[in-house]
C-alpha atoms as a PDB file:
ATOM      1  CA  MET A   1    -157.305 171.857  56.932  1.00  0.00           C
ATOM      2  CA  PRO A   2    -154.815 169.348  58.348  1.00  0.00           C
ATOM      3  CA  PHE A   3    -152.074 172.022  58.400  1.00  0.00           C
ATOM      4  CA  ILE A   4    -152.420 175.608  59.596  1.00  0.00           C
ATOM      5  CA  GLU A   5    -149.361 177.831  59.279  1.00  0.00           C
ATOM      6  CA  LYS A   6    -148.845 180.412  62.010  1.00  0.00           C
ATOM      7  CA  LYS A   7    -148.651 183.194  59.407  1.00  0.00           C
ATOM      8  CA  ALA A   8    -152.219 182.259  58.327  1.00  0.00           C
ATOM      9  CA  MET A   9    -153.636 182.529  61.871  1.00  0.00           C
ATOM     10  CA  GLU A  10    -155.500 185.603  63.022  1.00  0.00           C
ATOM     11  CA  SER A  11    -153.483 187.460  65.654  1.00  0.00           C
ATOM     12  CA  GLY A  12    -154.596 189.919  68.282  1.00  0.00           C
ATOM     13  CA  GLU A  13    -154.290 191.156  71.838  1.00  0.00           C
ATOM     14  CA  PRO A  14    -157.670 190.387  73.450  1.00  0.00           C
ATOM     15  CA  LEU A  15    -156.393 191.690  76.792  1.00  0.00           C
ATOM     16  CA  PRO A  16    -153.370 193.864  77.572  1.00  0.00           C
ATOM     17  CA  GLY A  17    -150.250 191.707  77.614  1.00  0.00           C
ATOM     18  CA  TRP A  18    -151.948 188.644  76.061  1.00  0.00           C
ATOM     19  CA  VAL A  19    -150.923 188.392  72.385  1.00  0.00           C
ATOM     20  CA  GLY A  20    -152.659 185.461  70.749  1.00  0.00           C
ATOM     21  CA  HIS A  21    -152.531 183.538  67.486  1.00  0.00           C
ATOM     22  CA  PHE A  22    -155.959 181.959  66.933  1.00  0.00           C
ATOM     23  CA  CYS A  23    -157.334 179.084  64.852  1.00  0.00           C
ATOM     24  CA  GLN A  24    -160.115 176.481  64.962  1.00  0.00           C
ATOM     25  CA  SER A  25    -160.772 172.972  63.809  1.00  0.00           C
ATOM     26  CA  PRO A  26    -164.388 171.907  63.317  1.00  0.00           C
ATOM     27  CA  GLU A  27    -164.569 170.828  66.987  1.00  0.00           C
ATOM     28  CA  MET A  28    -161.906 172.800  68.907  1.00  0.00           C
ATOM     29  CA  SER A  29    -160.471 176.299  69.329  1.00  0.00           C
ATOM     30  CA  PHE A  30    -156.737 176.886  69.727  1.00  0.00           C
ATOM     31  CA  VAL A  31    -154.764 179.905  70.895  1.00  0.00           C
ATOM     32  CA  GLN A  32    -151.011 180.284  71.151  1.00  0.00           C
ATOM     33  CA  TYR A  33    -150.451 183.041  73.724  1.00  0.00           C
ATOM     34  CA  GLU A  34    -147.353 185.127  74.397  1.00  0.00           C
ATOM     35  CA  ILE A  35    -147.933 186.701  77.817  1.00  0.00           C
ATOM     36  CA  GLU A  36    -146.258 189.675  79.487  1.00  0.00           C
ATOM     37  CA  PRO A  37    -145.322 189.418  83.191  1.00  0.00           C
ATOM     38  CA  GLY A  38    -148.115 190.642  85.490  1.00  0.00           C
ATOM     39  CA  SER A  39    -150.781 190.443  82.769  1.00  0.00           C
ATOM     40  CA  ALA A  40    -153.998 188.782  83.860  1.00  0.00           C
ATOM     41  CA  ILE A  41    -157.210 187.340  82.461  1.00  0.00           C
ATOM     42  CA  HIS A  42    -160.212 188.237  84.620  1.00  0.00           C
ATOM     43  CA  GLU A  43    -162.242 185.509  86.313  1.00  0.00           C
ATOM     44  CA  HIS A  44    -164.766 184.079  83.877  1.00  0.00           C
ATOM     45  CA  HIS A  45    -166.440 180.830  82.877  1.00  0.00           C
ATOM     46  CA  HIS A  46    -167.848 179.305  79.698  1.00  0.00           C
ATOM     47  CA  ASP A  47    -169.593 176.164  78.456  1.00  0.00           C
ATOM     48  CA  ASN A  48    -166.382 174.725  76.999  1.00  0.00           C
ATOM     49  CA  GLU A  49    -163.828 172.462  78.599  1.00  0.00           C
ATOM     50  CA  GLU A  50    -160.475 174.246  78.376  1.00  0.00           C
ATOM     51  CA  VAL A  51    -156.932 172.895  78.563  1.00  0.00           C
ATOM     52  CA  TRP A  52    -153.883 175.106  79.167  1.00  0.00           C
ATOM     53  CA  ILE A  53    -150.415 173.830  78.247  1.00  0.00           C
ATOM     54  CA  VAL A  54    -147.650 176.043  79.615  1.00  0.00           C
ATOM     55  CA  ILE A  55    -144.808 176.132  77.091  1.00  0.00           C
ATOM     56  CA  SER A  56    -142.469 178.509  78.925  1.00  0.00           C
ATOM     57  CA  GLY A  57    -142.477 180.741  81.979  1.00  0.00           C
ATOM     58  CA  ARG A  58    -144.799 180.600  84.981  1.00  0.00           C
ATOM     59  CA  LEU A  59    -148.522 181.270  85.280  1.00  0.00           C
ATOM     60  CA  GLU A  60    -150.658 181.482  88.399  1.00  0.00           C
ATOM     61  CA  VAL A  61    -153.934 179.823  87.438  1.00  0.00           C
ATOM     62  CA  THR A  62    -157.038 179.557  89.608  1.00  0.00           C
ATOM     63  CA  VAL A  63    -159.727 177.001  88.753  1.00  0.00           C
ATOM     64  CA  ALA A  64    -162.910 176.829  90.854  1.00  0.00           C
ATOM     65  CA  GLY A  65    -161.169 178.620  93.724  1.00  0.00           C
ATOM     66  CA  GLU A  66    -157.995 176.479  93.712  1.00  0.00           C
ATOM     67  CA  ALA A  67    -154.847 178.498  92.862  1.00  0.00           C
ATOM     68  CA  ARG A  68    -151.642 176.888  91.610  1.00  0.00           C
ATOM     69  CA  VAL A  69    -148.479 177.981  89.866  1.00  0.00           C
ATOM     70  CA  ALA A  70    -148.090 176.255  86.512  1.00  0.00           C
ATOM     71  CA  ASP A  71    -144.551 175.988  85.151  1.00  0.00           C
ATOM     72  CA  ALA A  72    -143.304 175.097  81.673  1.00  0.00           C
ATOM     73  CA  GLY A  73    -144.561 171.620  80.796  1.00  0.00           C
ATOM     74  CA  ASP A  74    -147.513 171.739  83.203  1.00  0.00           C
ATOM     75  CA  VAL A  75    -151.099 171.256  82.024  1.00  0.00           C
ATOM     76  CA  VAL A  76    -154.209 172.833  83.578  1.00  0.00           C
ATOM     77  CA  VAL A  77    -157.636 171.333  82.830  1.00  0.00           C
ATOM     78  CA  VAL A  78    -160.606 173.661  83.329  1.00  0.00           C
ATOM     79  CA  PRO A  79    -163.961 171.832  83.431  1.00  0.00           C
ATOM     80  CA  ARG A  80    -166.999 173.300  81.680  1.00  0.00           C
ATOM     81  CA  ASN A  81    -168.529 176.254  83.556  1.00  0.00           C
ATOM     82  CA  ALA A  82    -165.739 176.334  86.187  1.00  0.00           C
ATOM     83  CA  PRO A  83    -164.761 179.884  87.153  1.00  0.00           C
ATOM     84  CA  HIS A  84    -161.096 180.463  86.305  1.00  0.00           C
ATOM     85  CA  PHE A  85    -158.492 183.160  85.814  1.00  0.00           C
ATOM     86  CA  ALA A  86    -154.768 183.425  85.160  1.00  0.00           C
ATOM     87  CA  ARG A  87    -151.893 185.818  85.780  1.00  0.00           C
ATOM     88  CA  ALA A  88    -148.395 185.661  84.316  1.00  0.00           C
ATOM     89  CA  ILE A  89    -145.713 185.585  86.994  1.00  0.00           C
ATOM     90  CA  THR A  90    -142.962 185.763  84.359  1.00  0.00           C
ATOM     91  CA  GLN A  91    -142.864 186.192  80.608  1.00  0.00           C
ATOM     92  CA  ALA A  92    -144.771 183.100  79.470  1.00  0.00           C
ATOM     93  CA  ARG A  93    -146.077 181.180  76.489  1.00  0.00           C
ATOM     94  CA  ALA A  94    -149.084 178.866  76.589  1.00  0.00           C
ATOM     95  CA  ILE A  95    -151.368 176.967  74.255  1.00  0.00           C
ATOM     96  CA  VAL A  96    -155.053 177.041  75.213  1.00  0.00           C
ATOM     97  CA  VAL A  97    -157.501 174.550  73.671  1.00  0.00           C
ATOM     98  CA  ASP A  98    -161.301 174.667  74.036  1.00  0.00           C
ATOM     99  CA  HIS A  99    -163.722 171.861  73.264  1.00  0.00           C
ATOM    100  CA  PRO A 100    -166.162 172.291  71.706  1.00  0.00           C
ATOM    101  CA  ALA A 101    -164.915 175.248  69.683  1.00  0.00           C
ATOM    102  CA  ARG A 102    -165.704 178.579  71.372  1.00  0.00           C
ATOM    103  CA  ASP A 103    -167.911 181.193  69.747  1.00  0.00           C
ATOM    104  CA  GLY A 104    -166.562 184.658  69.250  1.00  0.00           C
ATOM    105  CA  LEU A 105    -162.835 183.965  69.284  1.00  0.00           C
ATOM    106  CA  PRO A 106    -160.726 185.461  66.497  1.00  0.00           C
ATOM    107  CA  GLY A 107    -159.807 182.986  63.767  1.00  0.00           C
ATOM    108  CA  GLY A 108    -163.028 181.043  63.997  1.00  0.00           C
ATOM    109  CA  LYS A 109    -166.591 181.124  62.844  1.00  0.00           C
ATOM    110  CA  SER A 110    -169.598 181.685  65.025  1.00  0.00           C
ATOM    111  CA  ARG A 111    -171.189 178.335  65.796  1.00  0.00           C
ATOM    112  CA  LYS A 112    -174.648 179.835  66.378  1.00  0.00           C
END
Protein backbone atom coordinates (compact mmCIF):
# COMPACT_ATOMS: atom_id res chain seq x y z
CA MET A 1 0.00 0.00 0.00
CA PRO A 2 2.86 2.51 -0.11
CA PHE A 3 1.58 3.90 -3.44
CA ILE A 4 -2.02 4.71 -4.33
CA GLU A 5 -2.68 5.94 -7.86
CA LYS A 6 -5.43 8.52 -8.27
CA LYS A 7 -7.16 6.33 -10.87
CA ALA A 8 -7.49 3.62 -8.17
CA MET A 9 -9.18 5.96 -5.66
CA GLU A 10 -12.92 5.97 -5.17
CA SER A 11 -14.40 9.23 -6.43
CA GLY A 12 -17.67 10.91 -5.58
CA GLU A 13 -19.52 14.12 -4.84
CA PRO A 14 -20.59 13.82 -1.18
CA LEU A 15 -22.06 17.33 -1.30
CA PRO A 16 -22.96 19.49 -4.30
CA GLY A 17 -19.82 21.13 -5.65
CA TRP A 18 -17.41 18.98 -3.60
CA VAL A 19 -15.87 16.32 -5.88
CA GLY A 20 -13.57 14.08 -3.89
CA HIS A 21 -11.02 11.35 -4.51
CA PHE A 22 -10.86 9.17 -1.39
CA CYS A 23 -8.35 6.72 0.10
CA GLN A 24 -7.19 5.45 3.50
CA SER A 25 -4.07 4.18 5.15
CA PRO A 26 -4.46 1.95 8.20
CA GLU A 27 -4.49 5.04 10.46
CA MET A 28 -5.64 8.01 8.34
CA SER A 29 -8.26 9.05 5.78
CA PHE A 30 -7.38 11.27 2.82
CA VAL A 31 -9.55 13.22 0.40
CA GLN A 32 -8.44 15.33 -2.54
CA TYR A 33 -11.29 17.80 -3.14
CA GLU A 34 -12.06 19.91 -6.19
CA ILE A 35 -14.53 22.55 -4.99
CA GLU A 36 -16.90 24.79 -6.94
CA PRO A 37 -17.22 28.46 -5.91
CA GLY A 38 -19.98 29.03 -3.33
CA SER A 39 -20.20 25.34 -2.39
CA ALA A 40 -20.29 24.68 1.33
CA ILE A 41 -19.95 21.88 3.86
CA HIS A 42 -22.48 22.22 6.68
CA GLU A 43 -21.30 22.69 10.26
CA HIS A 44 -20.44 19.34 11.80
CA HIS A 45 -18.00 17.68 14.17
CA HIS A 46 -16.43 14.25 14.57
CA ASP A 47 -14.04 12.34 16.83
CA ASN A 48 -11.13 12.72 14.41
CA GLU A 49 -8.51 15.42 14.22
CA GLU A 50 -8.69 16.89 10.72
CA VAL A 51 -6.13 18.86 8.72
CA TRP A 52 -7.01 20.88 5.61
CA ILE A 53 -4.27 21.85 3.15
CA VAL A 54 -5.46 24.40 0.59
CA ILE A 55 -3.77 23.65 -2.73
CA SER A 56 -5.39 26.37 -4.84
CA GLY A 57 -8.12 28.98 -4.54
CA ARG A 58 -9.67 30.40 -1.38
CA LEU A 59 -11.82 28.77 1.29
CA GLU A 60 -13.63 30.39 4.20
CA VAL A 61 -13.24 27.93 7.06
CA THR A 62 -14.78 28.25 10.52
CA VAL A 63 -13.39 26.19 13.40
CA ALA A 64 -15.03 26.40 16.84
CA GLY A 65 -16.63 29.73 15.93
CA GLU A 66 -13.47 31.35 14.50
CA ALA A 67 -13.78 32.18 10.76
CA ARG A 68 -10.77 32.73 8.52
CA VAL A 69 -10.04 32.80 4.81
CA ALA A 70 -7.53 30.13 3.86
CA ASP A 71 -5.54 30.74 0.67
CA ALA A 72 -3.39 28.38 -1.39
CA GLY A 73 -0.61 27.03 0.82
CA ASP A 74 -2.49 27.63 4.08
CA VAL A 75 -3.21 24.81 6.54
CA VAL A 76 -6.22 24.56 8.86
CA VAL A 77 -6.09 22.21 11.87
CA VAL A 78 -9.45 21.11 13.26
CA PRO A 79 -9.20 19.54 16.74
CA ARG A 80 -11.28 16.47 17.61
CA ASN A 81 -14.96 17.28 18.21
CA ALA A 82 -14.57 20.96 17.19
CA PRO A 83 -17.55 22.23 15.20
CA HIS A 84 -16.39 23.34 11.75
CA PHE A 85 -17.60 24.19 8.27
CA ALA A 86 -16.19 25.49 5.01
CA ARG A 87 -17.31 27.44 1.95
CA ALA A 88 -15.41 27.94 -1.29
CA ILE A 89 -14.93 31.61 -2.14
CA THR A 90 -13.34 30.71 -5.48
CA GLN A 91 -12.75 27.52 -7.41
CA ALA A 92 -10.50 25.62 -4.99
CA ARG A 93 -8.59 22.41 -4.40
CA ALA A 94 -7.77 21.02 -0.96
CA ILE A 95 -6.43 17.88 0.65
CA VAL A 96 -8.20 16.85 3.86
CA VAL A 97 -6.60 14.32 6.23
CA ASP A 98 -8.31 12.72 9.25
CA HIS A 99 -6.61 10.87 12.08
CA PRO A 100 -7.58 8.29 13.06
CA ALA A 101 -9.19 7.13 9.83
CA ARG A 102 -12.87 8.14 9.61
CA ASP A 103 -15.65 5.59 9.36
CA GLY A 104 -18.05 5.79 6.48
CA LEU A 105 -15.96 7.71 3.97
CA PRO A 106 -15.74 6.34 0.43
CA GLY A 107 -12.51 4.48 -0.31
CA GLY A 108 -12.14 3.09 3.17
CA LYS A 109 -13.35 0.30 5.35
CA SER A 110 -15.59 0.66 8.35
CA ARG A 111 -13.46 0.57 11.48
CA LYS A 112 -16.31 -0.69 13.68
